[in-house]
C-alpha atoms as a PDB file:
ATOM      1  CA  UNK A   1      12.788 -10.179 -37.148  1.00  0.00           C
ATOM      2  CA  UNK A   2      14.006 -11.514 -40.480  1.00  0.00           C
ATOM      3  CA  UNK A   3      13.578 -12.926 -43.787  1.00  0.00           C
ATOM      4  CA  UNK A   4      14.213 -16.657 -43.935  1.00  0.00           C
ATOM      5  CA  UNK A   5      13.829 -19.555 -46.298  1.00  0.00           C
ATOM      6  CA  UNK A   6      11.084 -21.818 -44.349  1.00  0.00           C
ATOM      7  CA  UNK A   7       9.772 -25.048 -45.293  1.00  0.00           C
ATOM      8  CA  UNK A   8       6.379 -24.667 -43.348  1.00  0.00           C
ATOM      9  CA  UNK A   9       4.031 -27.180 -44.870  1.00  0.00           C
ATOM     10  CA  UNK A  10       3.406 -29.117 -41.804  1.00  0.00           C
ATOM     11  CA  UNK A  11       3.631 -26.258 -39.358  1.00  0.00           C
ATOM     12  CA  UNK A  12       1.132 -24.178 -41.526  1.00  0.00           C
ATOM     13  CA  UNK A  13      -1.291 -27.015 -41.783  1.00  0.00           C
ATOM     14  CA  UNK A  14      -1.057 -27.639 -38.048  1.00  0.00           C
ATOM     15  CA  UNK A  15      -1.908 -23.906 -37.155  1.00  0.00           C
ATOM     16  CA  UNK A  16      -4.660 -23.597 -39.513  1.00  0.00           C
ATOM     17  CA  UNK A  17      -6.698 -26.461 -38.285  1.00  0.00           C
ATOM     18  CA  UNK A  18      -7.311 -24.786 -34.909  1.00  0.00           C
ATOM     19  CA  UNK A  19      -7.820 -28.109 -33.251  1.00  0.00           C
ATOM     20  CA  UNK A  20      -7.168 -27.844 -29.420  1.00  0.00           C
ATOM     21  CA  UNK A  21      -5.007 -30.576 -27.909  1.00  0.00           C
ATOM     22  CA  UNK A  22      -3.167 -31.307 -31.074  1.00  0.00           C
ATOM     23  CA  UNK A  23      -0.160 -33.219 -30.291  1.00  0.00           C
ATOM     24  CA  UNK A  24       3.162 -31.709 -30.809  1.00  0.00           C
ATOM     25  CA  UNK A  25       5.183 -32.770 -33.877  1.00  0.00           C
ATOM     26  CA  UNK A  26       8.705 -33.453 -34.424  1.00  0.00           C
ATOM     27  CA  UNK A  27      10.144 -32.246 -37.652  1.00  0.00           C
ATOM     28  CA  UNK A  28      12.950 -34.103 -39.478  1.00  0.00           C
ATOM     29  CA  UNK A  29      14.010 -30.715 -41.329  1.00  0.00           C
ATOM     30  CA  UNK A  30      14.133 -27.139 -39.784  1.00  0.00           C
ATOM     31  CA  UNK A  31      10.925 -25.228 -41.111  1.00  0.00           C
ATOM     32  CA  UNK A  32      13.414 -22.348 -42.552  1.00  0.00           C
ATOM     33  CA  UNK A  33      15.060 -24.309 -45.212  1.00  0.00           C
ATOM     34  CA  UNK A  34      12.699 -24.406 -48.272  1.00  0.00           C
ATOM     35  CA  UNK A  35      10.378 -21.594 -48.740  1.00  0.00           C
ATOM     36  CA  UNK A  36      10.683 -17.947 -47.752  1.00  0.00           C
ATOM     37  CA  UNK A  37       8.842 -16.594 -44.794  1.00  0.00           C
ATOM     38  CA  UNK A  38       9.004 -13.811 -42.624  1.00  0.00           C
ATOM     39  CA  UNK A  39       8.647 -14.416 -38.584  1.00  0.00           C
ATOM     40  CA  UNK A  40       7.807 -11.579 -36.431  1.00  0.00           C
ATOM     41  CA  UNK A  41       7.208 -11.335 -32.746  1.00  0.00           C
ATOM     42  CA  UNK A  42       4.350  -9.035 -31.597  1.00  0.00           C
ATOM     43  CA  UNK A  43       4.915  -7.452 -28.321  1.00  0.00           C
ATOM     44  CA  UNK A  44       2.639  -5.368 -26.302  1.00  0.00           C
ATOM     45  CA  UNK A  45       1.694  -4.080 -22.981  1.00  0.00           C
ATOM     46  CA  UNK A  46      -0.969  -2.358 -21.257  1.00  0.00           C
ATOM     47  CA  UNK A  47      -1.433  -0.617 -17.871  1.00  0.00           C
ATOM     48  CA  UNK A  48      -4.493  -0.770 -15.781  1.00  0.00           C
ATOM     49  CA  UNK A  49      -5.786   0.296 -12.243  1.00  0.00           C
ATOM     50  CA  UNK A  50      -5.613  -2.468  -9.609  1.00  0.00           C
ATOM     51  CA  UNK A  51      -9.230  -3.985  -9.325  1.00  0.00           C
ATOM     52  CA  UNK A  52      -8.997  -5.704  -6.190  1.00  0.00           C
ATOM     53  CA  UNK A  53      -7.940  -4.761  -2.623  1.00  0.00           C
ATOM     54  CA  UNK A  54      -7.490  -6.523   0.616  1.00  0.00           C
ATOM     55  CA  UNK A  55      -6.768  -5.397   4.216  1.00  0.00           C
ATOM     56  CA  UNK A  56      -6.847  -6.934   7.737  1.00  0.00           C
ATOM     57  CA  UNK A  57      -7.434  -5.795  11.415  1.00  0.00           C
ATOM     58  CA  UNK A  58      -7.137  -7.565  14.767  1.00  0.00           C
ATOM     59  CA  UNK A  59      -9.013  -7.271  17.972  1.00  0.00           C
ATOM     60  CA  UNK A  60      -6.889  -8.152  20.963  1.00  0.00           C
ATOM     61  CA  UNK A  61      -8.235  -8.859  24.541  1.00  0.00           C
ATOM     62  CA  UNK A  62      -6.461  -9.895  27.500  1.00  0.00           C
ATOM     63  CA  UNK A  63      -7.506 -11.660  31.054  1.00  0.00           C
ATOM     64  CA  UNK A  64      -7.780 -14.267  33.272  1.00  0.00           C
ATOM     65  CA  UNK A  65     -10.592 -16.439  32.019  1.00  0.00           C
ATOM     66  CA  UNK A  66     -10.129 -17.823  28.414  1.00  0.00           C
ATOM     67  CA  UNK A  67     -13.715 -17.880  27.463  1.00  0.00           C
ATOM     68  CA  UNK A  68     -14.403 -14.389  28.807  1.00  0.00           C
ATOM     69  CA  UNK A  69     -11.537 -13.031  26.600  1.00  0.00           C
ATOM     70  CA  UNK A  70     -12.447 -14.849  23.902  1.00  0.00           C
ATOM     71  CA  UNK A  71     -15.983 -13.855  23.785  1.00  0.00           C
ATOM     72  CA  UNK A  72     -14.968 -10.132  23.937  1.00  0.00           C
ATOM     73  CA  UNK A  73     -12.713 -10.496  21.173  1.00  0.00           C
ATOM     74  CA  UNK A  74     -15.312 -12.339  19.188  1.00  0.00           C
ATOM     75  CA  UNK A  75     -17.959  -9.525  19.987  1.00  0.00           C
ATOM     76  CA  UNK A  76     -15.644  -6.785  18.788  1.00  0.00           C
ATOM     77  CA  UNK A  77     -15.104  -8.627  15.327  1.00  0.00           C
ATOM     78  CA  UNK A  78     -18.971  -8.979  15.066  1.00  0.00           C
ATOM     79  CA  UNK A  79     -19.333  -5.519  15.575  1.00  0.00           C
ATOM     80  CA  UNK A  80     -16.554  -4.812  12.870  1.00  0.00           C
ATOM     81  CA  UNK A  81     -18.359  -6.995  10.225  1.00  0.00           C
ATOM     82  CA  UNK A  82     -21.607  -5.226  11.134  1.00  0.00           C
ATOM     83  CA  UNK A  83     -20.272  -1.805  10.700  1.00  0.00           C
ATOM     84  CA  UNK A  84     -18.346  -3.184   7.311  1.00  0.00           C
ATOM     85  CA  UNK A  85     -21.782  -4.180   5.877  1.00  0.00           C
ATOM     86  CA  UNK A  86     -23.336  -0.840   6.237  1.00  0.00           C
ATOM     87  CA  UNK A  87     -20.706   0.360   3.589  1.00  0.00           C
ATOM     88  CA  UNK A  88     -20.116  -2.856   1.690  1.00  0.00           C
ATOM     89  CA  UNK A  89     -22.393  -5.830   0.813  1.00  0.00           C
ATOM     90  CA  UNK A  90     -21.302  -9.416   0.538  1.00  0.00           C
ATOM     91  CA  UNK A  91     -21.115  -8.846  -3.437  1.00  0.00           C
ATOM     92  CA  UNK A  92     -18.683  -6.160  -2.860  1.00  0.00           C
ATOM     93  CA  UNK A  93     -16.509  -7.122   0.321  1.00  0.00           C
ATOM     94  CA  UNK A  94     -15.732 -10.883   1.231  1.00  0.00           C
ATOM     95  CA  UNK A  95     -14.738 -11.309   5.043  1.00  0.00           C
ATOM     96  CA  UNK A  96     -12.661 -14.224   6.473  1.00  0.00           C
ATOM     97  CA  UNK A  97     -12.401 -14.210  10.235  1.00  0.00           C
ATOM     98  CA  UNK A  98     -10.265 -16.285  12.820  1.00  0.00           C
ATOM     99  CA  UNK A  99      -9.934 -16.795  16.473  1.00  0.00           C
ATOM    100  CA  UNK A 100      -6.863 -17.548  18.207  1.00  0.00           C
ATOM    101  CA  UNK A 101      -6.262 -17.886  21.913  1.00  0.00           C
ATOM    102  CA  UNK A 102      -2.669 -18.017  23.670  1.00  0.00           C
ATOM    103  CA  UNK A 103      -1.884 -18.787  27.341  1.00  0.00           C
ATOM    104  CA  UNK A 104       0.643 -16.541  29.026  1.00  0.00           C
ATOM    105  CA  UNK A 105       2.604 -18.597  31.729  1.00  0.00           C
ATOM    106  CA  UNK A 106       4.389 -17.351  34.829  1.00  0.00           C
ATOM    107  CA  UNK A 107       8.041 -17.030  34.675  1.00  0.00           C
ATOM    108  CA  UNK A 108      11.080 -18.237  36.674  1.00  0.00           C
ATOM    109  CA  UNK A 109      14.776 -17.812  36.348  1.00  0.00           C
ATOM    110  CA  UNK A 110      16.887 -20.856  35.406  1.00  0.00           C
ATOM    111  CA  UNK A 111      20.253 -21.626  36.581  1.00  0.00           C
ATOM    112  CA  UNK A 112      21.726 -19.248  34.520  1.00  0.00           C
ATOM    113  CA  UNK A 113      19.484 -16.489  35.264  1.00  0.00           C
ATOM    114  CA  UNK A 114      17.450 -16.520  32.022  1.00  0.00           C
ATOM    115  CA  UNK A 115      13.446 -16.118  32.339  1.00  0.00           C
ATOM    116  CA  UNK A 116      11.606 -19.259  31.367  1.00  0.00           C
ATOM    117  CA  UNK A 117       8.009 -19.657  30.983  1.00  0.00           C
ATOM    118  CA  UNK A 118       6.490 -22.519  33.402  1.00  0.00           C
ATOM    119  CA  UNK A 119       4.531 -23.850  30.915  1.00  0.00           C
ATOM    120  CA  UNK A 120       2.128 -25.902  33.263  1.00  0.00           C
ATOM    121  CA  UNK A 121      -1.784 -25.702  33.366  1.00  0.00           C
ATOM    122  CA  UNK A 122      -1.528 -24.372  37.089  1.00  0.00           C
ATOM    123  CA  UNK A 123       0.934 -21.671  36.127  1.00  0.00           C
ATOM    124  CA  UNK A 124      -1.083 -19.767  33.528  1.00  0.00           C
ATOM    125  CA  UNK A 125      -1.124 -16.076  34.523  1.00  0.00           C
ATOM    126  CA  UNK A 126      -3.594 -14.774  31.697  1.00  0.00           C
ATOM    127  CA  UNK A 127      -5.005 -15.326  28.114  1.00  0.00           C
ATOM    128  CA  UNK A 128      -4.619 -13.398  24.888  1.00  0.00           C
ATOM    129  CA  UNK A 129      -7.458 -13.785  22.613  1.00  0.00           C
ATOM    130  CA  UNK A 130      -7.120 -12.361  19.182  1.00  0.00           C
ATOM    131  CA  UNK A 131      -9.970 -12.380  16.328  1.00  0.00           C
ATOM    132  CA  UNK A 132      -8.624 -11.280  12.837  1.00  0.00           C
ATOM    133  CA  UNK A 133     -10.845  -9.938  10.131  1.00  0.00           C
ATOM    134  CA  UNK A 134      -9.399 -10.317   6.525  1.00  0.00           C
ATOM    135  CA  UNK A 135     -11.353  -8.289   3.943  1.00  0.00           C
ATOM    136  CA  UNK A 136     -11.182  -8.717   0.255  1.00  0.00           C
ATOM    137  CA  UNK A 137     -12.688  -5.788  -1.748  1.00  0.00           C
ATOM    138  CA  UNK A 138     -14.177  -6.814  -5.214  1.00  0.00           C
ATOM    139  CA  UNK A 139     -15.297  -3.150  -5.856  1.00  0.00           C
ATOM    140  CA  UNK A 140     -12.648  -0.429  -4.947  1.00  0.00           C
ATOM    141  CA  UNK A 141     -15.048   2.476  -5.007  1.00  0.00           C
ATOM    142  CA  UNK A 142     -16.210   1.472  -1.500  1.00  0.00           C
ATOM    143  CA  UNK A 143     -12.784   0.653   0.115  1.00  0.00           C
ATOM    144  CA  UNK A 144     -12.216   3.828   1.831  1.00  0.00           C
ATOM    145  CA  UNK A 145     -15.650   3.621   3.754  1.00  0.00           C
ATOM    146  CA  UNK A 146     -15.730   0.002   4.324  1.00  0.00           C
ATOM    147  CA  UNK A 147     -12.024   0.043   6.007  1.00  0.00           C
ATOM    148  CA  UNK A 148     -12.943   3.004   7.893  1.00  0.00           C
ATOM    149  CA  UNK A 149     -16.071   1.601   9.438  1.00  0.00           C
ATOM    150  CA  UNK A 150     -14.202  -1.244  10.777  1.00  0.00           C
ATOM    151  CA  UNK A 151     -11.162   1.042  12.033  1.00  0.00           C
ATOM    152  CA  UNK A 152     -13.885   2.904  14.011  1.00  0.00           C
ATOM    153  CA  UNK A 153     -14.043   0.003  16.438  1.00  0.00           C
ATOM    154  CA  UNK A 154     -10.429   0.788  17.399  1.00  0.00           C
ATOM    155  CA  UNK A 155      -8.896  -2.526  16.481  1.00  0.00           C
ATOM    156  CA  UNK A 156      -5.494  -3.044  18.263  1.00  0.00           C
ATOM    157  CA  UNK A 157      -3.827  -4.089  14.926  1.00  0.00           C
ATOM    158  CA  UNK A 158      -4.700  -2.678  11.610  1.00  0.00           C
ATOM    159  CA  UNK A 159      -2.471  -3.923   8.564  1.00  0.00           C
ATOM    160  CA  UNK A 160      -1.647  -1.881   5.216  1.00  0.00           C
ATOM    161  CA  UNK A 161      -3.971  -1.966   2.059  1.00  0.00           C
ATOM    162  CA  UNK A 162      -2.703  -4.376  -0.427  1.00  0.00           C
ATOM    163  CA  UNK A 163      -3.881  -3.755  -4.184  1.00  0.00           C
ATOM    164  CA  UNK A 164      -3.830  -6.419  -6.990  1.00  0.00           C
ATOM    165  CA  UNK A 165      -4.709  -6.396 -10.891  1.00  0.00           C
ATOM    166  CA  UNK A 166      -6.765  -9.502 -11.519  1.00  0.00           C
ATOM    167  CA  UNK A 167      -6.264 -10.140 -15.337  1.00  0.00           C
ATOM    168  CA  UNK A 168      -9.957 -10.685 -16.465  1.00  0.00           C
ATOM    169  CA  UNK A 169     -10.686 -12.243 -19.977  1.00  0.00           C
ATOM    170  CA  UNK A 170     -11.419  -8.967 -21.418  1.00  0.00           C
ATOM    171  CA  UNK A 171      -8.042  -7.351 -20.487  1.00  0.00           C
ATOM    172  CA  UNK A 172      -6.260 -10.436 -21.833  1.00  0.00           C
ATOM    173  CA  UNK A 173      -7.977 -10.204 -25.033  1.00  0.00           C
ATOM    174  CA  UNK A 174      -7.164  -6.466 -25.242  1.00  0.00           C
ATOM    175  CA  UNK A 175      -3.272  -6.792 -24.747  1.00  0.00           C
ATOM    176  CA  UNK A 176      -3.330  -9.803 -27.204  1.00  0.00           C
ATOM    177  CA  UNK A 177      -5.090  -7.940 -29.953  1.00  0.00           C
ATOM    178  CA  UNK A 178      -2.381  -5.119 -29.358  1.00  0.00           C
ATOM    179  CA  UNK A 179       0.479  -7.908 -29.627  1.00  0.00           C
ATOM    180  CA  UNK A 180      -0.976  -9.234 -32.892  1.00  0.00           C
ATOM    181  CA  UNK A 181      -1.331  -5.618 -34.228  1.00  0.00           C
ATOM    182  CA  UNK A 182       2.246  -5.055 -33.302  1.00  0.00           C
ATOM    183  CA  UNK A 183       3.391  -8.120 -34.700  1.00  0.00           C
ATOM    184  CA  UNK A 184       1.653  -7.405 -38.061  1.00  0.00           C
ATOM    185  CA  UNK A 185       3.445  -4.117 -38.290  1.00  0.00           C
ATOM    186  CA  UNK A 186       6.761  -5.617 -37.559  1.00  0.00           C
ATOM    187  CA  UNK A 187       6.368  -8.169 -40.196  1.00  0.00           C
ATOM    188  CA  UNK A 188       5.353  -5.146 -42.786  1.00  0.00           C
ATOM    189  CA  UNK A 189       8.928  -3.239 -41.941  1.00  0.00           C
ATOM    190  CA  UNK A 190      10.751  -6.648 -42.329  1.00  0.00           C
ATOM    191  CA  UNK A 191       9.071  -7.254 -45.903  1.00  0.00           C
ATOM    192  CA  UNK A 192       9.985  -3.732 -46.721  1.00  0.00           C
ATOM    193  CA  UNK A 193      13.446  -4.189 -45.420  1.00  0.00           C
ATOM    194  CA  UNK A 194      14.002  -7.346 -47.325  1.00  0.00           C
ATOM    195  CA  UNK A 195      12.631  -5.903 -50.663  1.00  0.00           C
ATOM    196  CA  UNK A 196       9.942  -8.680 -50.723  1.00  0.00           C
ATOM    197  CA  UNK A 197       5.987  -8.811 -50.679  1.00  0.00           C
ATOM    198  CA  UNK A 198       4.295  -9.821 -47.563  1.00  0.00           C
ATOM    199  CA  UNK A 199       2.057 -12.882 -48.196  1.00  0.00           C
ATOM    200  CA  UNK A 200      -0.500 -14.560 -46.055  1.00  0.00           C
ATOM    201  CA  UNK A 201      -0.171 -15.533 -42.471  1.00  0.00           C
ATOM    202  CA  UNK A 202       0.704 -19.061 -42.292  1.00  0.00           C
ATOM    203  CA  UNK A 203       0.748 -19.318 -38.495  1.00  0.00           C
ATOM    204  CA  UNK A 204      -0.091 -17.720 -35.365  1.00  0.00           C
ATOM    205  CA  UNK A 205       1.052 -18.764 -31.845  1.00  0.00           C
ATOM    206  CA  UNK A 206       0.688 -17.484 -28.412  1.00  0.00           C
ATOM    207  CA  UNK A 207       2.026 -18.553 -25.075  1.00  0.00           C
ATOM    208  CA  UNK A 208       5.012 -21.043 -24.631  1.00  0.00           C
ATOM    209  CA  UNK A 209       6.857 -21.843 -28.006  1.00  0.00           C
ATOM    210  CA  UNK A 210      10.221 -21.628 -29.991  1.00  0.00           C
ATOM    211  CA  UNK A 211       9.898 -17.914 -30.600  1.00  0.00           C
ATOM    212  CA  UNK A 212       7.575 -16.585 -27.850  1.00  0.00           C
ATOM    213  CA  UNK A 213       7.431 -15.253 -24.090  1.00  0.00           C
ATOM    214  CA  UNK A 214       4.778 -15.800 -21.701  1.00  0.00           C
ATOM    215  CA  UNK A 215       2.042 -13.719 -19.932  1.00  0.00           C
ATOM    216  CA  UNK A 216       3.642 -11.458 -17.288  1.00  0.00           C
ATOM    217  CA  UNK A 217       2.135  -9.688 -14.457  1.00  0.00           C
ATOM    218  CA  UNK A 218       3.998  -6.573 -12.917  1.00  0.00           C
ATOM    219  CA  UNK A 219       1.998  -5.976  -9.728  1.00  0.00           C
ATOM    220  CA  UNK A 220       2.058  -2.811  -7.613  1.00  0.00           C
ATOM    221  CA  UNK A 221       3.962  -0.435 -10.152  1.00  0.00           C
ATOM    222  CA  UNK A 222       3.547   3.022  -8.751  1.00  0.00           C
ATOM    223  CA  UNK A 223       2.141   6.043 -10.857  1.00  0.00           C
ATOM    224  CA  UNK A 224       5.704   7.526 -11.217  1.00  0.00           C
ATOM    225  CA  UNK A 225       6.733   4.023 -12.995  1.00  0.00           C
ATOM    226  CA  UNK A 226       4.082   4.390 -15.487  1.00  0.00           C
ATOM    227  CA  UNK A 227       2.953   6.397 -18.503  1.00  0.00           C
ATOM    228  CA  UNK A 228      -0.644   5.795 -17.804  1.00  0.00           C
ATOM    229  CA  UNK A 229      -3.248   8.761 -17.123  1.00  0.00           C
ATOM    230  CA  UNK A 230      -3.264   9.289 -13.488  1.00  0.00           C
ATOM    231  CA  UNK A 231      -6.624   8.168 -11.715  1.00  0.00           C
ATOM    232  CA  UNK A 232      -7.836  11.030  -9.276  1.00  0.00           C
ATOM    233  CA  UNK A 233      -9.870   9.880  -6.248  1.00  0.00           C
ATOM    234  CA  UNK A 234     -13.196  11.786  -5.840  1.00  0.00           C
ATOM    235  CA  UNK A 235     -13.294  14.387  -3.153  1.00  0.00           C
ATOM    236  CA  UNK A 236     -14.299  13.149   0.273  1.00  0.00           C
ATOM    237  CA  UNK A 237     -18.095  13.764   1.064  1.00  0.00           C
ATOM    238  CA  UNK A 238     -18.992  16.479   3.654  1.00  0.00           C
ATOM    239  CA  UNK A 239     -18.968  15.099   7.327  1.00  0.00           C
ATOM    240  CA  UNK A 240     -22.710  13.805   8.403  1.00  0.00           C
ATOM    241  CA  UNK A 241     -24.440  14.721  11.471  1.00  0.00           C
ATOM    242  CA  UNK A 242     -23.170  13.143  14.599  1.00  0.00           C
ATOM    243  CA  UNK A 243     -26.663  11.695  15.303  1.00  0.00           C
ATOM    244  CA  UNK A 244     -26.347   9.441  12.320  1.00  0.00           C
ATOM    245  CA  UNK A 245     -25.788   6.198  14.183  1.00  0.00           C
ATOM    246  CA  UNK A 246     -24.460   3.290  11.963  1.00  0.00           C
ATOM    247  CA  UNK A 247     -23.660   0.300  14.566  1.00  0.00           C
ATOM    248  CA  UNK A 248     -24.975  -0.097  18.090  1.00  0.00           C
ATOM    249  CA  UNK A 249     -24.009  -2.908  20.374  1.00  0.00           C
ATOM    250  CA  UNK A 250     -21.969  -4.164  23.457  1.00  0.00           C
ATOM    251  CA  UNK A 251     -18.870  -5.527  24.646  1.00  0.00           C
ATOM    252  CA  UNK A 252     -18.345  -6.768  28.018  1.00  0.00           C
ATOM    253  CA  UNK A 253     -21.681  -5.132  29.088  1.00  0.00           C
ATOM    254  CA  UNK A 254     -20.369  -1.707  27.723  1.00  0.00           C
ATOM    255  CA  UNK A 255     -22.412   0.093  24.970  1.00  0.00           C
ATOM    256  CA  UNK A 256     -20.612   0.765  21.932  1.00  0.00           C
ATOM    257  CA  UNK A 257     -21.908   3.114  18.994  1.00  0.00           C
ATOM    258  CA  UNK A 258     -20.578   3.995  15.765  1.00  0.00           C
ATOM    259  CA  UNK A 259     -21.499   6.990  13.706  1.00  0.00           C
ATOM    260  CA  UNK A 260     -21.313   8.171  10.398  1.00  0.00           C
ATOM    261  CA  UNK A 261     -18.874  11.010  11.762  1.00  0.00           C
ATOM    262  CA  UNK A 262     -16.737   8.045  13.061  1.00  0.00           C
ATOM    263  CA  UNK A 263     -16.355   6.530   9.605  1.00  0.00           C
ATOM    264  CA  UNK A 264     -15.796   9.925   7.652  1.00  0.00           C
ATOM    265  CA  UNK A 265     -13.045  10.664  10.031  1.00  0.00           C
ATOM    266  CA  UNK A 266     -11.295   7.448   9.270  1.00  0.00           C
ATOM    267  CA  UNK A 267     -11.920   7.367   5.585  1.00  0.00           C
ATOM    268  CA  UNK A 268      -8.432   7.754   4.119  1.00  0.00           C
ATOM    269  CA  UNK A 269      -8.636   8.117   0.183  1.00  0.00           C
ATOM    270  CA  UNK A 270      -6.281   6.140  -1.837  1.00  0.00           C
ATOM    271  CA  UNK A 271      -5.689   5.916  -5.725  1.00  0.00           C
ATOM    272  CA  UNK A 272      -5.314   2.151  -6.728  1.00  0.00           C
ATOM    273  CA  UNK A 273      -1.917   1.685  -8.079  1.00  0.00           C
ATOM    274  CA  UNK A 274      -1.183   1.054 -11.907  1.00  0.00           C
ATOM    275  CA  UNK A 275      -0.142  -2.524 -13.086  1.00  0.00           C
ATOM    276  CA  UNK A 276       1.320  -3.791 -16.118  1.00  0.00           C
ATOM    277  CA  UNK A 277      -0.020  -6.639 -18.399  1.00  0.00           C
ATOM    278  CA  UNK A 278       2.058  -8.099 -21.305  1.00  0.00           C
ATOM    279  CA  UNK A 279       1.521 -10.274 -24.198  1.00  0.00           C
ATOM    280  CA  UNK A 280       3.744 -11.774 -26.768  1.00  0.00           C
ATOM    281  CA  UNK A 281       2.836 -13.538 -30.184  1.00  0.00           C
ATOM    282  CA  UNK A 282       4.472 -15.107 -33.031  1.00  0.00           C
ATOM    283  CA  UNK A 283       3.370 -14.613 -36.746  1.00  0.00           C
ATOM    284  CA  UNK A 284       4.695 -16.406 -39.517  1.00  0.00           C
ATOM    285  CA  UNK A 285       4.027 -14.791 -43.168  1.00  0.00           C
ATOM    286  CA  UNK A 286       4.787 -16.197 -46.485  1.00  0.00           C
ATOM    287  CA  UNK A 287       7.271 -14.044 -48.409  1.00  0.00           C
ATOM    288  CA  UNK A 288       7.191 -13.192 -51.829  1.00  0.00           C
END
């Protein structure tokens, strides 16, 4: 920050019109030549807990018949979604599902003694069917129960939970306001150091520009790296009685039941990590 002599007629006029989509102007003279101005860059950052989470599970079946293993894998995935919906509606949890089938072939040894797959249709030894559920949680309050409900069906693969801070309009305005206030304080300090009177604001610019940075999101910062208040998770509820059945179904003519006790046992508490949101704003004041 510094006091500068600036010719800002066109710059100020352009900034104060507030018209969106104004064409960029090219100046013949630098704007810091004729009149005194003070330019300040407001910097601010806020820390907020993550507001989205996602996880995935996979159910794997293997057998000689491709249709049979596919059906078993799909049945297990359907029961998983059914169990999930007892804890989180579509408005809270969004599910994407996928089915893949892979043929496993008989093997032989080549002339060098290496094992090779005999990839012929009549040399298929078995099939592996895999259904994958990818769940995006829009409300984190139900994350533990929703994930536990799916884990109760014993998937062969379960990925870790991924957290994300989605910057809403409210969060962006919050950090922008903080940057504007910081820039105003910096401009006052510069005016006091230069021994001049701080005049009115001539231009405020956000985003890409000659004196600006840009929005930056720092995902996944741990609580140890932040100075924000810790967010404590609520204590787990008492274990329900075993007879509270949540989901009943069948897989390959075998009856399957999931109870509230199964879900409570797998409900792993987790605090959403703290993420950082930054903003930079350039302010130009008339000096004197």
